[in-house]
ModelCIF file with pLDDT and N, C-alpha, C, O atoms, coordinates in Angstrom:
data_MODEL
#
_entry.id   MODEL 
#
_entity.id                         1 
_entity.type                       polymer 
_entity.pdbx_number_of_molecules   1 
#
_entity_poly.entity_id                      1 
_entity_poly.type                           'polypeptide(L)' 
_entity_poly.nstd_linkage                   no 
_entity_poly.nstd_monomer                   no 
_entity_poly.pdbx_seq_one_letter_code       FESIADPVHFSILSLLETKSANRTVGEVAKRLGIDSVEARAAIERLRR 
_entity_poly.pdbx_seq_one_letter_code_can   FESIADPVHFSILSLLETKSANRTVGEVAKRLGIDSVEARAAIERLRR 
_entity_poly.pdbx_strand_id                 A 
#
loop_
_entity_poly_seq.entity_id 
_entity_poly_seq.num 
_entity_poly_seq.mon_id 
_entity_poly_seq.hetero 
1 1  PHE n 
1 2  GLU n 
1 3  SER n 
1 4  ILE n 
1 5  ALA n 
1 6  ASP n 
1 7  PRO n 
1 8  VAL n 
1 9  HIS n 
1 10 PHE n 
1 11 SER n 
1 12 ILE n 
1 13 LEU n 
1 14 SER n 
1 15 LEU n 
1 16 LEU n 
1 17 GLU n 
1 18 THR n 
1 19 LYS n 
1 20 SER n 
1 21 ALA n 
1 22 ASN n 
1 23 ARG n 
1 24 THR n 
1 25 VAL n 
1 26 GLY n 
1 27 GLU n 
1 28 VAL n 
1 29 ALA n 
1 30 LYS n 
1 31 ARG n 
1 32 LEU n 
1 33 GLY n 
1 34 ILE n 
1 35 ASP n 
1 36 SER n 
1 37 VAL n 
1 38 GLU n 
1 39 ALA n 
1 40 ARG n 
1 41 ALA n 
1 42 ALA n 
1 43 ILE n 
1 44 GLU n 
1 45 ARG n 
1 46 LEU n 
1 47 ARG n 
1 48 ARG n 
#
_struct_asym.id          A 
_struct_asym.entity_id   1 
#
loop_
_ma_qa_metric.id 
_ma_qa_metric.mode 
_ma_qa_metric.name 
_ma_qa_metric.software_group_id 
_ma_qa_metric.type 
1 global pLDDT . pLDDT 
2 local  pLDDT . pLDDT 
#
_ma_qa_metric_global.metric_id      1 
_ma_qa_metric_global.metric_value   87.71 
_ma_qa_metric_global.model_id       1 
_ma_qa_metric_global.ordinal_id     1 
#
loop_
_ma_qa_metric_local.label_asym_id 
_ma_qa_metric_local.label_comp_id 
_ma_qa_metric_local.label_seq_id 
_ma_qa_metric_local.metric_id 
_ma_qa_metric_local.metric_value 
_ma_qa_metric_local.model_id 
_ma_qa_metric_local.ordinal_id 
A PHE 1  2 81.00 1 1  
A GLU 2  2 82.00 1 2  
A SER 3  2 83.00 1 3  
A ILE 4  2 86.00 1 4  
A ALA 5  2 86.00 1 5  
A ASP 6  2 89.00 1 6  
A PRO 7  2 89.00 1 7  
A VAL 8  2 91.00 1 8  
A HIS 9  2 91.00 1 9  
A PHE 10 2 88.00 1 10 
A SER 11 2 90.00 1 11 
A ILE 12 2 91.00 1 12 
A LEU 13 2 89.00 1 13 
A SER 14 2 89.00 1 14 
A LEU 15 2 90.00 1 15 
A LEU 16 2 89.00 1 16 
A GLU 17 2 87.00 1 17 
A THR 18 2 86.00 1 18 
A LYS 19 2 77.00 1 19 
A SER 20 2 66.00 1 20 
A ALA 21 2 59.00 1 21 
A ASN 22 2 61.00 1 22 
A ARG 23 2 84.00 1 23 
A THR 24 2 90.00 1 24 
A VAL 25 2 91.00 1 25 
A GLY 26 2 91.00 1 26 
A GLU 27 2 90.00 1 27 
A VAL 28 2 91.00 1 28 
A ALA 29 2 91.00 1 29 
A LYS 30 2 90.00 1 30 
A ARG 31 2 89.00 1 31 
A LEU 32 2 90.00 1 32 
A GLY 33 2 90.00 1 33 
A ILE 34 2 91.00 1 34 
A ASP 35 2 92.00 1 35 
A SER 36 2 92.00 1 36 
A VAL 37 2 94.00 1 37 
A GLU 38 2 94.00 1 38 
A ALA 39 2 93.00 1 39 
A ARG 40 2 93.00 1 40 
A ALA 41 2 94.00 1 41 
A ALA 42 2 93.00 1 42 
A ILE 43 2 93.00 1 43 
A GLU 44 2 93.00 1 44 
A ARG 45 2 91.00 1 45 
A LEU 46 2 91.00 1 46 
A ARG 47 2 91.00 1 47 
A ARG 48 2 88.00 1 48 
#
loop_
_atom_site.group_PDB 
_atom_site.id 
_atom_site.type_symbol 
_atom_site.label_atom_id 
_atom_site.label_alt_id 
_atom_site.label_comp_id 
_atom_site.label_asym_id 
_atom_site.label_entity_id 
_atom_site.label_seq_id 
_atom_site.pdbx_PDB_ins_code 
_atom_site.Cartn_x 
_atom_site.Cartn_y 
_atom_site.Cartn_z 
_atom_site.occupancy 
_atom_site.B_iso_or_equiv 
_atom_site.pdbx_formal_charge 
_atom_site.auth_seq_id 
_atom_site.auth_comp_id 
_atom_site.auth_asym_id 
_atom_site.auth_atom_id 
_atom_site.pdbx_PDB_model_num 
ATOM 1   N N  . PHE A 1 1  ? 22.315 -65.156 -9.971  1.00 81.00 ? 1  PHE A N  1 
ATOM 2   C CA . PHE A 1 1  ? 22.586 -63.789 -10.416 1.00 81.00 ? 1  PHE A CA 1 
ATOM 3   C C  . PHE A 1 1  ? 23.939 -63.679 -11.103 1.00 81.00 ? 1  PHE A C  1 
ATOM 4   O O  . PHE A 1 1  ? 24.110 -62.871 -12.016 1.00 81.00 ? 1  PHE A O  1 
ATOM 5   N N  . GLU A 1 2  ? 24.908 -64.492 -10.667 1.00 82.00 ? 2  GLU A N  1 
ATOM 6   C CA . GLU A 1 2  ? 26.240 -64.463 -11.272 1.00 82.00 ? 2  GLU A CA 1 
ATOM 7   C C  . GLU A 1 2  ? 26.144 -64.615 -12.788 1.00 82.00 ? 2  GLU A C  1 
ATOM 8   O O  . GLU A 1 2  ? 26.892 -63.972 -13.525 1.00 82.00 ? 2  GLU A O  1 
ATOM 9   N N  . SER A 1 3  ? 25.221 -65.470 -13.259 1.00 83.00 ? 3  SER A N  1 
ATOM 10  C CA . SER A 1 3  ? 25.134 -65.754 -14.692 1.00 83.00 ? 3  SER A CA 1 
ATOM 11  C C  . SER A 1 3  ? 24.374 -64.696 -15.467 1.00 83.00 ? 3  SER A C  1 
ATOM 12  O O  . SER A 1 3  ? 24.480 -64.631 -16.691 1.00 83.00 ? 3  SER A O  1 
ATOM 13  N N  . ILE A 1 4  ? 23.595 -63.849 -14.761 1.00 86.00 ? 4  ILE A N  1 
ATOM 14  C CA . ILE A 1 4  ? 22.807 -62.823 -15.459 1.00 86.00 ? 4  ILE A CA 1 
ATOM 15  C C  . ILE A 1 4  ? 23.110 -61.429 -14.907 1.00 86.00 ? 4  ILE A C  1 
ATOM 16  O O  . ILE A 1 4  ? 22.265 -60.535 -14.959 1.00 86.00 ? 4  ILE A O  1 
ATOM 17  N N  . ALA A 1 5  ? 24.327 -61.253 -14.376 1.00 86.00 ? 5  ALA A N  1 
ATOM 18  C CA . ALA A 1 5  ? 24.681 -59.969 -13.765 1.00 86.00 ? 5  ALA A CA 1 
ATOM 19  C C  . ALA A 1 5  ? 24.705 -58.825 -14.773 1.00 86.00 ? 5  ALA A C  1 
ATOM 20  O O  . ALA A 1 5  ? 24.419 -57.682 -14.418 1.00 86.00 ? 5  ALA A O  1 
ATOM 21  N N  . ASP A 1 6  ? 25.043 -59.122 -16.022 1.00 89.00 ? 6  ASP A N  1 
ATOM 22  C CA . ASP A 1 6  ? 25.048 -58.068 -17.042 1.00 89.00 ? 6  ASP A CA 1 
ATOM 23  C C  . ASP A 1 6  ? 23.643 -57.478 -17.146 1.00 89.00 ? 6  ASP A C  1 
ATOM 24  O O  . ASP A 1 6  ? 22.681 -58.222 -17.335 1.00 89.00 ? 6  ASP A O  1 
ATOM 25  N N  . PRO A 1 7  ? 23.505 -56.159 -17.026 1.00 89.00 ? 7  PRO A N  1 
ATOM 26  C CA . PRO A 1 7  ? 22.173 -55.513 -17.036 1.00 89.00 ? 7  PRO A CA 1 
ATOM 27  C C  . PRO A 1 7  ? 21.344 -55.795 -18.288 1.00 89.00 ? 7  PRO A C  1 
ATOM 28  O O  . PRO A 1 7  ? 20.134 -55.569 -18.280 1.00 89.00 ? 7  PRO A O  1 
ATOM 29  N N  . VAL A 1 8  ? 21.962 -56.282 -19.361 1.00 91.00 ? 8  VAL A N  1 
ATOM 30  C CA . VAL A 1 8  ? 21.206 -56.563 -20.582 1.00 91.00 ? 8  VAL A CA 1 
ATOM 31  C C  . VAL A 1 8  ? 20.115 -57.602 -20.304 1.00 91.00 ? 8  VAL A C  1 
ATOM 32  O O  . VAL A 1 8  ? 19.061 -57.572 -20.939 1.00 91.00 ? 8  VAL A O  1 
ATOM 33  N N  . HIS A 1 9  ? 20.355 -58.517 -19.364 1.00 91.00 ? 9  HIS A N  1 
ATOM 34  C CA . HIS A 1 9  ? 19.353 -59.535 -19.051 1.00 91.00 ? 9  HIS A CA 1 
ATOM 35  C C  . HIS A 1 9  ? 18.087 -58.900 -18.469 1.00 91.00 ? 9  HIS A C  1 
ATOM 36  O O  . HIS A 1 9  ? 16.973 -59.296 -18.810 1.00 91.00 ? 9  HIS A O  1 
ATOM 37  N N  . PHE A 1 10 ? 18.269 -57.920 -17.593 1.00 88.00 ? 10 PHE A N  1 
ATOM 38  C CA . PHE A 1 10 ? 17.120 -57.265 -16.978 1.00 88.00 ? 10 PHE A CA 1 
ATOM 39  C C  . PHE A 1 10 ? 16.436 -56.317 -17.968 1.00 88.00 ? 10 PHE A C  1 
ATOM 40  O O  . PHE A 1 10 ? 15.234 -56.068 -17.873 1.00 88.00 ? 10 PHE A O  1 
ATOM 41  N N  . SER A 1 11 ? 17.218 -55.794 -18.917 1.00 90.00 ? 11 SER A N  1 
ATOM 42  C CA . SER A 1 11 ? 16.626 -54.979 -19.982 1.00 90.00 ? 11 SER A CA 1 
ATOM 43  C C  . SER A 1 11 ? 15.707 -55.836 -20.853 1.00 90.00 ? 11 SER A C  1 
ATOM 44  O O  . SER A 1 11 ? 14.642 -55.388 -21.277 1.00 90.00 ? 11 SER A O  1 
ATOM 45  N N  . ILE A 1 12 ? 16.134 -57.073 -21.113 1.00 91.00 ? 12 ILE A N  1 
ATOM 46  C CA . ILE A 1 12 ? 15.306 -57.987 -21.907 1.00 91.00 ? 12 ILE A CA 1 
ATOM 47  C C  . ILE A 1 12 ? 14.004 -58.299 -21.176 1.00 91.00 ? 12 ILE A C  1 
ATOM 48  O O  . ILE A 1 12 ? 12.929 -58.290 -21.776 1.00 91.00 ? 12 ILE A O  1 
ATOM 49  N N  . LEU A 1 13 ? 14.109 -58.574 -19.877 1.00 89.00 ? 13 LEU A N  1 
ATOM 50  C CA . LEU A 1 13 ? 12.911 -58.888 -19.097 1.00 89.00 ? 13 LEU A CA 1 
ATOM 51  C C  . LEU A 1 13 ? 11.934 -57.714 -19.102 1.00 89.00 ? 13 LEU A C  1 
ATOM 52  O O  . LEU A 1 13 ? 10.725 -57.912 -19.227 1.00 89.00 ? 13 LEU A O  1 
ATOM 53  N N  . SER A 1 14 ? 12.453 -56.492 -18.967 1.00 89.00 ? 14 SER A N  1 
ATOM 54  C CA . SER A 1 14 ? 11.581 -55.313 -18.983 1.00 89.00 ? 14 SER A CA 1 
ATOM 55  C C  . SER A 1 14 ? 10.984 -55.095 -20.370 1.00 89.00 ? 14 SER A C  1 
ATOM 56  O O  . SER A 1 14 ? 9.824  -54.703 -20.493 1.00 89.00 ? 14 SER A O  1 
ATOM 57  N N  . LEU A 1 15 ? 11.781 -55.350 -21.421 1.00 90.00 ? 15 LEU A N  1 
ATOM 58  C CA . LEU A 1 15 ? 11.280 -55.194 -22.783 1.00 90.00 ? 15 LEU A CA 1 
ATOM 59  C C  . LEU A 1 15 ? 10.096 -56.117 -23.035 1.00 90.00 ? 15 LEU A C  1 
ATOM 60  O O  . LEU A 1 15 ? 9.159  -55.757 -23.748 1.00 90.00 ? 15 LEU A O  1 
ATOM 61  N N  . LEU A 1 16 ? 10.141 -57.311 -22.445 1.00 89.00 ? 16 LEU A N  1 
ATOM 62  C CA . LEU A 1 16 ? 9.056  -58.272 -22.639 1.00 89.00 ? 16 LEU A CA 1 
ATOM 63  C C  . LEU A 1 16 ? 7.778  -57.865 -21.920 1.00 89.00 ? 16 LEU A C  1 
ATOM 64  O O  . LEU A 1 16 ? 6.738  -58.496 -22.106 1.00 89.00 ? 16 LEU A O  1 
ATOM 65  N N  . GLU A 1 17 ? 7.843  -56.817 -21.101 1.00 87.00 ? 17 GLU A N  1 
ATOM 66  C CA . GLU A 1 17 ? 6.644  -56.284 -20.445 1.00 87.00 ? 17 GLU A CA 1 
ATOM 67  C C  . GLU A 1 17 ? 5.959  -55.228 -21.302 1.00 87.00 ? 17 GLU A C  1 
ATOM 68  O O  . GLU A 1 17 ? 4.812  -54.864 -21.043 1.00 87.00 ? 17 GLU A O  1 
ATOM 69  N N  . THR A 1 18 ? 6.657  -54.734 -22.324 1.00 86.00 ? 18 THR A N  1 
ATOM 70  C CA . THR A 1 18 ? 6.110  -53.642 -23.126 1.00 86.00 ? 18 THR A CA 1 
ATOM 71  C C  . THR A 1 18 ? 5.107  -54.165 -24.143 1.00 86.00 ? 18 THR A C  1 
ATOM 72  O O  . THR A 1 18 ? 4.889  -55.371 -24.261 1.00 86.00 ? 18 THR A O  1 
ATOM 73  N N  . LYS A 1 19 ? 4.494  -53.226 -24.881 1.00 77.00 ? 19 LYS A N  1 
ATOM 74  C CA . LYS A 1 19 ? 3.516  -53.566 -25.911 1.00 77.00 ? 19 LYS A CA 1 
ATOM 75  C C  . LYS A 1 19 ? 4.136  -54.540 -26.918 1.00 77.00 ? 19 LYS A C  1 
ATOM 76  O O  . LYS A 1 19 ? 5.323  -54.439 -27.229 1.00 77.00 ? 19 LYS A O  1 
ATOM 77  N N  . SER A 1 20 ? 3.343  -55.473 -27.423 1.00 66.00 ? 20 SER A N  1 
ATOM 78  C CA . SER A 1 20 ? 3.833  -56.541 -28.294 1.00 66.00 ? 20 SER A CA 1 
ATOM 79  C C  . SER A 1 20 ? 4.906  -57.338 -27.566 1.00 66.00 ? 20 SER A C  1 
ATOM 80  O O  . SER A 1 20 ? 6.028  -57.485 -28.049 1.00 66.00 ? 20 SER A O  1 
ATOM 81  N N  . ALA A 1 21 ? 4.535  -57.855 -26.385 1.00 59.00 ? 21 ALA A N  1 
ATOM 82  C CA . ALA A 1 21 ? 5.507  -58.476 -25.492 1.00 59.00 ? 21 ALA A CA 1 
ATOM 83  C C  . ALA A 1 21 ? 6.192  -59.698 -26.092 1.00 59.00 ? 21 ALA A C  1 
ATOM 84  O O  . ALA A 1 21 ? 7.381  -59.900 -25.847 1.00 59.00 ? 21 ALA A O  1 
ATOM 85  N N  . ASN A 1 22 ? 5.484  -60.525 -26.872 1.00 61.00 ? 22 ASN A N  1 
ATOM 86  C CA . ASN A 1 22 ? 6.120  -61.695 -27.473 1.00 61.00 ? 22 ASN A CA 1 
ATOM 87  C C  . ASN A 1 22 ? 7.026  -61.246 -28.607 1.00 61.00 ? 22 ASN A C  1 
ATOM 88  O O  . ASN A 1 22 ? 6.548  -60.751 -29.627 1.00 61.00 ? 22 ASN A O  1 
ATOM 89  N N  . ARG A 1 23 ? 8.328  -61.415 -28.434 1.00 84.00 ? 23 ARG A N  1 
ATOM 90  C CA . ARG A 1 23 ? 9.275  -60.876 -29.393 1.00 84.00 ? 23 ARG A CA 1 
ATOM 91  C C  . ARG A 1 23 ? 10.260 -61.941 -29.854 1.00 84.00 ? 23 ARG A C  1 
ATOM 92  O O  . ARG A 1 23 ? 10.539 -62.899 -29.133 1.00 84.00 ? 23 ARG A O  1 
ATOM 93  N N  . THR A 1 24 ? 10.783 -61.764 -31.062 1.00 90.00 ? 24 THR A N  1 
ATOM 94  C CA . THR A 1 24 ? 11.817 -62.648 -31.580 1.00 90.00 ? 24 THR A CA 1 
ATOM 95  C C  . THR A 1 24 ? 13.172 -62.156 -31.095 1.00 90.00 ? 24 THR A C  1 
ATOM 96  O O  . THR A 1 24 ? 13.293 -61.039 -30.592 1.00 90.00 ? 24 THR A O  1 
ATOM 97  N N  . VAL A 1 25 ? 14.189 -62.996 -31.249 1.00 91.00 ? 25 VAL A N  1 
ATOM 98  C CA . VAL A 1 25 ? 15.544 -62.605 -30.865 1.00 91.00 ? 25 VAL A CA 1 
ATOM 99  C C  . VAL A 1 25 ? 15.971 -61.369 -31.647 1.00 91.00 ? 25 VAL A C  1 
ATOM 100 O O  . VAL A 1 25 ? 16.600 -60.469 -31.091 1.00 91.00 ? 25 VAL A O  1 
ATOM 101 N N  . GLY A 1 26 ? 15.630 -61.320 -32.941 1.00 91.00 ? 26 GLY A N  1 
ATOM 102 C CA . GLY A 1 26 ? 15.990 -60.170 -33.762 1.00 91.00 ? 26 GLY A CA 1 
ATOM 103 C C  . GLY A 1 26 ? 15.355 -58.888 -33.271 1.00 91.00 ? 26 GLY A C  1 
ATOM 104 O O  . GLY A 1 26 ? 15.999 -57.839 -33.263 1.00 91.00 ? 26 GLY A O  1 
ATOM 105 N N  . GLU A 1 27 ? 14.089 -58.959 -32.856 1.00 90.00 ? 27 GLU A N  1 
ATOM 106 C CA . GLU A 1 27 ? 13.407 -57.771 -32.338 1.00 90.00 ? 27 GLU A CA 1 
ATOM 107 C C  . GLU A 1 27 ? 14.036 -57.298 -31.036 1.00 90.00 ? 27 GLU A C  1 
ATOM 108 O O  . GLU A 1 27 ? 14.186 -56.097 -30.816 1.00 90.00 ? 27 GLU A O  1 
ATOM 109 N N  . VAL A 1 28 ? 14.401 -58.235 -30.176 1.00 91.00 ? 28 VAL A N  1 
ATOM 110 C CA . VAL A 1 28 ? 15.053 -57.881 -28.916 1.00 91.00 ? 28 VAL A CA 1 
ATOM 111 C C  . VAL A 1 28 ? 16.381 -57.181 -29.187 1.00 91.00 ? 28 VAL A C  1 
ATOM 112 O O  . VAL A 1 28 ? 16.685 -56.155 -28.579 1.00 91.00 ? 28 VAL A O  1 
ATOM 113 N N  . ALA A 1 29 ? 17.170 -57.742 -30.103 1.00 91.00 ? 29 ALA A N  1 
ATOM 114 C CA . ALA A 1 29 ? 18.468 -57.155 -30.429 1.00 91.00 ? 29 ALA A CA 1 
ATOM 115 C C  . ALA A 1 29 ? 18.314 -55.743 -30.999 1.00 91.00 ? 29 ALA A C  1 
ATOM 116 O O  . ALA A 1 29 ? 19.071 -54.841 -30.642 1.00 91.00 ? 29 ALA A O  1 
ATOM 117 N N  . LYS A 1 30 ? 17.337 -55.555 -31.879 1.00 90.00 ? 30 LYS A N  1 
ATOM 118 C CA . LYS A 1 30 ? 17.127 -54.247 -32.504 1.00 90.00 ? 30 LYS A CA 1 
ATOM 119 C C  . LYS A 1 30 ? 16.683 -53.205 -31.488 1.00 90.00 ? 30 LYS A C  1 
ATOM 120 O O  . LYS A 1 30 ? 17.206 -52.091 -31.471 1.00 90.00 ? 30 LYS A O  1 
ATOM 121 N N  . ARG A 1 31 ? 15.713 -53.564 -30.632 1.00 89.00 ? 31 ARG A N  1 
ATOM 122 C CA . ARG A 1 31 ? 15.182 -52.599 -29.671 1.00 89.00 ? 31 ARG A CA 1 
ATOM 123 C C  . ARG A 1 31 ? 16.202 -52.198 -28.624 1.00 89.00 ? 31 ARG A C  1 
ATOM 124 O O  . ARG A 1 31 ? 16.179 -51.063 -28.149 1.00 89.00 ? 31 ARG A O  1 
ATOM 125 N N  . LEU A 1 32 ? 17.101 -53.107 -28.252 1.00 90.00 ? 32 LEU A N  1 
ATOM 126 C CA . LEU A 1 32 ? 18.106 -52.806 -27.227 1.00 90.00 ? 32 LEU A CA 1 
ATOM 127 C C  . LEU A 1 32 ? 19.438 -52.361 -27.821 1.00 90.00 ? 32 LEU A C  1 
ATOM 128 O O  . LEU A 1 32 ? 20.362 -52.007 -27.089 1.00 90.00 ? 32 LEU A O  1 
ATOM 129 N N  . GLY A 1 33 ? 19.532 -52.382 -29.140 1.00 90.00 ? 33 GLY A N  1 
ATOM 130 C CA . GLY A 1 33 ? 20.762 -51.929 -29.782 1.00 90.00 ? 33 GLY A CA 1 
ATOM 131 C C  . GLY A 1 33 ? 21.949 -52.828 -29.513 1.00 90.00 ? 33 GLY A C  1 
ATOM 132 O O  . GLY A 1 33 ? 23.070 -52.349 -29.338 1.00 90.00 ? 33 GLY A O  1 
ATOM 133 N N  . ILE A 1 34 ? 21.708 -54.137 -29.480 1.00 91.00 ? 34 ILE A N  1 
ATOM 134 C CA . ILE A 1 34 ? 22.794 -55.094 -29.229 1.00 91.00 ? 34 ILE A CA 1 
ATOM 135 C C  . ILE A 1 34 ? 22.876 -56.075 -30.382 1.00 91.00 ? 34 ILE A C  1 
ATOM 136 O O  . ILE A 1 34 ? 21.963 -56.158 -31.204 1.00 91.00 ? 34 ILE A O  1 
ATOM 137 N N  . ASP A 1 35 ? 23.975 -56.820 -30.441 1.00 92.00 ? 35 ASP A N  1 
ATOM 138 C CA . ASP A 1 35 ? 24.184 -57.830 -31.465 1.00 92.00 ? 35 ASP A CA 1 
ATOM 139 C C  . ASP A 1 35 ? 23.218 -58.994 -31.247 1.00 92.00 ? 35 ASP A C  1 
ATOM 140 O O  . ASP A 1 35 ? 22.900 -59.333 -30.107 1.00 92.00 ? 35 ASP A O  1 
ATOM 141 N N  . SER A 1 36 ? 22.753 -59.604 -32.334 1.00 92.00 ? 36 SER A N  1 
ATOM 142 C CA . SER A 1 36 ? 21.804 -60.712 -32.221 1.00 92.00 ? 36 SER A CA 1 
ATOM 143 C C  . SER A 1 36 ? 22.415 -61.914 -31.515 1.00 92.00 ? 36 SER A C  1 
ATOM 144 O O  . SER A 1 36 ? 21.708 -62.667 -30.846 1.00 92.00 ? 36 SER A O  1 
ATOM 145 N N  . VAL A 1 37 ? 23.722 -62.098 -31.661 1.00 94.00 ? 37 VAL A N  1 
ATOM 146 C CA . VAL A 1 37 ? 24.398 -63.202 -30.971 1.00 94.00 ? 37 VAL A CA 1 
ATOM 147 C C  . VAL A 1 37 ? 24.348 -62.972 -29.456 1.00 94.00 ? 37 VAL A C  1 
ATOM 148 O O  . VAL A 1 37 ? 24.088 -63.896 -28.686 1.00 94.00 ? 37 VAL A O  1 
ATOM 149 N N  . GLU A 1 38 ? 24.602 -61.720 -29.042 1.00 94.00 ? 38 GLU A N  1 
ATOM 150 C CA . GLU A 1 38 ? 24.544 -61.378 -27.616 1.00 94.00 ? 38 GLU A CA 1 
ATOM 151 C C  . GLU A 1 38 ? 23.121 -61.549 -27.093 1.00 94.00 ? 38 GLU A C  1 
ATOM 152 O O  . GLU A 1 38 ? 22.915 -62.054 -25.989 1.00 94.00 ? 38 GLU A O  1 
ATOM 153 N N  . ALA A 1 39 ? 22.150 -61.130 -27.887 1.00 93.00 ? 39 ALA A N  1 
ATOM 154 C CA . ALA A 1 39 ? 20.755 -61.250 -27.474 1.00 93.00 ? 39 ALA A CA 1 
ATOM 155 C C  . ALA A 1 39 ? 20.358 -62.711 -27.308 1.00 93.00 ? 39 ALA A C  1 
ATOM 156 O O  . ALA A 1 39 ? 19.698 -63.072 -26.334 1.00 93.00 ? 39 ALA A O  1 
ATOM 157 N N  . ARG A 1 40 ? 20.760 -63.548 -28.256 1.00 93.00 ? 40 ARG A N  1 
ATOM 158 C CA . ARG A 1 40 ? 20.403 -64.965 -28.195 1.00 93.00 ? 40 ARG A CA 1 
ATOM 159 C C  . ARG A 1 40 ? 21.035 -65.638 -26.971 1.00 93.00 ? 40 ARG A C  1 
ATOM 160 O O  . ARG A 1 40 ? 20.392 -66.440 -26.296 1.00 93.00 ? 40 ARG A O  1 
ATOM 161 N N  . ALA A 1 41 ? 22.305 -65.302 -26.692 1.00 94.00 ? 41 ALA A N  1 
ATOM 162 C CA . ALA A 1 41 ? 22.993 -65.907 -25.548 1.00 94.00 ? 41 ALA A CA 1 
ATOM 163 C C  . ALA A 1 41 ? 22.340 -65.474 -24.236 1.00 94.00 ? 41 ALA A C  1 
ATOM 164 O O  . ALA A 1 41 ? 22.167 -66.293 -23.333 1.00 94.00 ? 41 ALA A O  1 
ATOM 165 N N  . ALA A 1 42 ? 21.973 -64.184 -24.121 1.00 93.00 ? 42 ALA A N  1 
ATOM 166 C CA . ALA A 1 42 ? 21.334 -63.684 -22.906 1.00 93.00 ? 42 ALA A CA 1 
ATOM 167 C C  . ALA A 1 42 ? 19.969 -64.328 -22.702 1.00 93.00 ? 42 ALA A C  1 
ATOM 168 O O  . ALA A 1 42 ? 19.607 -64.693 -21.584 1.00 93.00 ? 42 ALA A O  1 
ATOM 169 N N  . ILE A 1 43 ? 19.212 -64.466 -23.791 1.00 93.00 ? 43 ILE A N  1 
ATOM 170 C CA . ILE A 1 43 ? 17.882 -65.080 -23.699 1.00 93.00 ? 43 ILE A CA 1 
ATOM 171 C C  . ILE A 1 43 ? 18.001 -66.537 -23.273 1.00 93.00 ? 43 ILE A C  1 
ATOM 172 O O  . ILE A 1 43 ? 17.170 -67.027 -22.508 1.00 93.00 ? 43 ILE A O  1 
ATOM 173 N N  . GLU A 1 44 ? 19.016 -67.230 -23.755 1.00 93.00 ? 44 GLU A N  1 
ATOM 174 C CA . GLU A 1 44 ? 19.206 -68.625 -23.379 1.00 93.00 ? 44 GLU A CA 1 
ATOM 175 C C  . GLU A 1 44 ? 19.524 -68.754 -21.891 1.00 93.00 ? 44 GLU A C  1 
ATOM 176 O O  . GLU A 1 44 ? 19.053 -69.687 -21.239 1.00 93.00 ? 44 GLU A O  1 
ATOM 177 N N  . ARG A 1 45 ? 20.313 -67.834 -21.348 1.00 91.00 ? 45 ARG A N  1 
ATOM 178 C CA . ARG A 1 45 ? 20.597 -67.860 -19.906 1.00 91.00 ? 45 ARG A CA 1 
ATOM 179 C C  . ARG A 1 45 ? 19.319 -67.639 -19.109 1.00 91.00 ? 45 ARG A C  1 
ATOM 180 O O  . ARG A 1 45 ? 19.067 -68.321 -18.116 1.00 91.00 ? 45 ARG A O  1 
ATOM 181 N N  . LEU A 1 46 ? 18.523 -66.685 -19.551 1.00 91.00 ? 46 LEU A N  1 
ATOM 182 C CA . LEU A 1 46 ? 17.251 -66.411 -18.874 1.00 91.00 ? 46 LEU A CA 1 
ATOM 183 C C  . LEU A 1 46 ? 16.307 -67.598 -18.980 1.00 91.00 ? 46 LEU A C  1 
ATOM 184 O O  . LEU A 1 46 ? 15.559 -67.881 -18.044 1.00 91.00 ? 46 LEU A O  1 
ATOM 185 N N  . ARG A 1 47 ? 16.336 -68.293 -20.111 1.00 91.00 ? 47 ARG A N  1 
ATOM 186 C CA . ARG A 1 47 ? 15.470 -69.459 -20.307 1.00 91.00 ? 47 ARG A CA 1 
ATOM 187 C C  . ARG A 1 47 ? 15.870 -70.588 -19.348 1.00 91.00 ? 47 ARG A C  1 
ATOM 188 O O  . ARG A 1 47 ? 15.011 -71.272 -18.793 1.00 91.00 ? 47 ARG A O  1 
ATOM 189 N N  . ARG A 1 48 ? 17.177 -70.776 -19.161 1.00 88.00 ? 48 ARG A N  1 
ATOM 190 C CA . ARG A 1 48 ? 17.650 -71.840 -18.262 1.00 88.00 ? 48 ARG A CA 1 
ATOM 191 C C  . ARG A 1 48 ? 17.207 -71.594 -16.818 1.00 88.00 ? 48 ARG A C  1 
ATOM 192 O O  . ARG A 1 48 ? 17.519 -72.391 -15.933 1.00 88.00 ? 48 ARG A O  1 
#
């Protein structure tokens, strides 16, 4: 949890439950209103 404590990680997980669940990094960044670099880094932590 220490590595994914920022709530953006859980927002990404919930976003992947919504319609059109398979999403690109760009789509995740746009829907959550965050930078694509931040989105990519968060997704990589979740992937690990």
